[in-house]
Amino acid sequence: MTRHKRTCQTIDERVAKEIRRLHKRYPKLGHRALAEALREAGVHVEPQDLKRFLKEEGLKPERSSRPWRWGGPPSWMGGPPEPPR
């Protein structure tokens, strides 16, 4: 059995600095979108390593400022009709 050459970088100080910079610039990105932004910046990190790093550092995506829309009871109970999709 042959081992594959590791194409992803481990999270060292340089990579951690880039992750923090991107998180500060785009605070609403989750780990998947942040991994894509890192790839576009030329930094390739294993998804599980990135997820672990974000959890350890306490970096979470900001929540949307839009409030949850409560429309009352469902349409089958006499509430407003469902909007078309």
Protein backbone atom coordinates (compact mmCIF):
# COMPACT_ATOMS: atom_id res chain seq x y z
CA MET A 1 0.00 0.00 0.00
CA THR A 2 1.36 3.40 -0.89
CA ARG A 3 0.87 6.53 1.12
CA HIS A 4 -0.36 9.62 -0.62
CA LYS A 5 1.72 12.73 -0.43
CA ARG A 6 0.03 15.19 1.87
CA THR A 7 -1.14 18.15 -0.22
CA CYS A 8 -2.75 20.05 2.65
CA GLN A 9 -0.86 22.22 5.11
CA THR A 10 -0.96 21.80 8.84
CA ILE A 11 -2.18 24.78 10.79
CA ASP A 12 0.98 26.62 11.79
CA GLU A 13 1.25 30.24 12.91
CA ARG A 14 1.20 31.61 9.33
CA VAL A 15 -1.92 29.63 8.40
CA ALA A 16 -3.59 30.53 11.73
CA LYS A 17 -2.92 34.21 11.05
CA GLU A 18 -4.55 33.90 7.59
CA ILE A 19 -7.58 32.09 9.09
CA ARG A 20 -8.02 34.83 11.70
CA ARG A 21 -7.63 37.54 9.04
CA LEU A 22 -10.29 35.97 6.81
CA HIS A 23 -12.61 35.41 9.78
CA LYS A 24 -12.25 39.07 10.77
CA ARG A 25 -12.88 40.22 7.19
CA TYR A 26 -15.82 37.84 6.58
CA PRO A 27 -17.34 37.17 10.04
CA LYS A 28 -20.47 35.45 8.71
CA LEU A 29 -18.61 32.59 6.98
CA GLY A 30 -18.88 29.13 8.45
CA HIS A 31 -16.12 26.53 8.26
CA ARG A 32 -17.05 25.33 4.75
CA ALA A 33 -17.10 28.79 3.19
CA LEU A 34 -13.97 29.75 5.13
CA ALA A 35 -12.20 26.65 3.74
CA GLU A 36 -13.18 27.77 0.22
CA ALA A 37 -11.87 31.30 0.89
CA LEU A 38 -8.61 29.80 2.16
CA ARG A 39 -8.30 27.67 -0.99
CA GLU A 40 -8.77 30.78 -3.12
CA ALA A 41 -6.03 32.48 -1.08
CA GLY A 42 -3.70 29.56 -1.86
CA VAL A 43 -3.88 27.91 1.57
CA HIS A 44 -5.00 24.28 1.54
CA VAL A 45 -6.06 22.94 4.96
CA GLU A 46 -7.80 19.68 5.86
CA PRO A 47 -11.49 20.43 6.59
CA GLN A 48 -11.44 18.60 9.94
CA ASP A 49 -8.27 20.48 11.00
CA LEU A 50 -9.93 23.79 10.14
CA LYS A 51 -13.10 22.87 12.00
CA ARG A 52 -11.07 21.82 15.08
CA PHE A 53 -9.00 25.03 14.95
CA LEU A 54 -12.10 27.24 14.73
CA LYS A 55 -13.67 25.42 17.68
CA GLU A 56 -10.49 25.67 19.79
CA GLU A 57 -10.11 29.38 19.01
CA GLY A 58 -13.79 30.09 19.63
CA LEU A 59 -14.26 31.55 16.14
CA LYS A 60 -17.93 31.20 15.22
CA PRO A 61 -19.85 32.76 12.34
CA GLU A 62 -21.96 35.77 13.26
CA ARG A 63 -25.66 35.21 13.26
CA SER A 64 -27.84 37.03 10.79
CA SER A 65 -29.41 40.21 12.12
CA ARG A 66 -32.72 39.32 10.51
CA PRO A 67 -35.23 38.16 13.13
CA TRP A 68 -36.91 34.81 12.73
CA ARG A 69 -40.24 35.36 10.99
CA TRP A 70 -43.11 33.91 12.96
CA GLY A 71 -46.12 33.96 10.71
CA GLY A 72 -48.65 32.62 13.18
CA PRO A 73 -50.38 29.28 12.79
CA PRO A 74 -49.81 27.18 9.66
CA SER A 75 -52.06 27.69 6.65
CA TRP A 76 -53.98 24.46 7.27
CA MET A 77 -55.06 25.87 10.66
CA GLY A 78 -56.40 29.09 9.15
CA GLY A 79 -53.15 31.09 9.18
CA PRO A 80 -51.70 33.12 6.30
CA PRO A 81 -51.20 31.23 3.01
CA GLU A 82 -47.74 29.85 2.24
CA PRO A 83 -45.65 32.11 -0.03
CA PRO A 84 -44.93 30.65 -3.49
CA ARG A 85 -41.46 29.18 -3.95
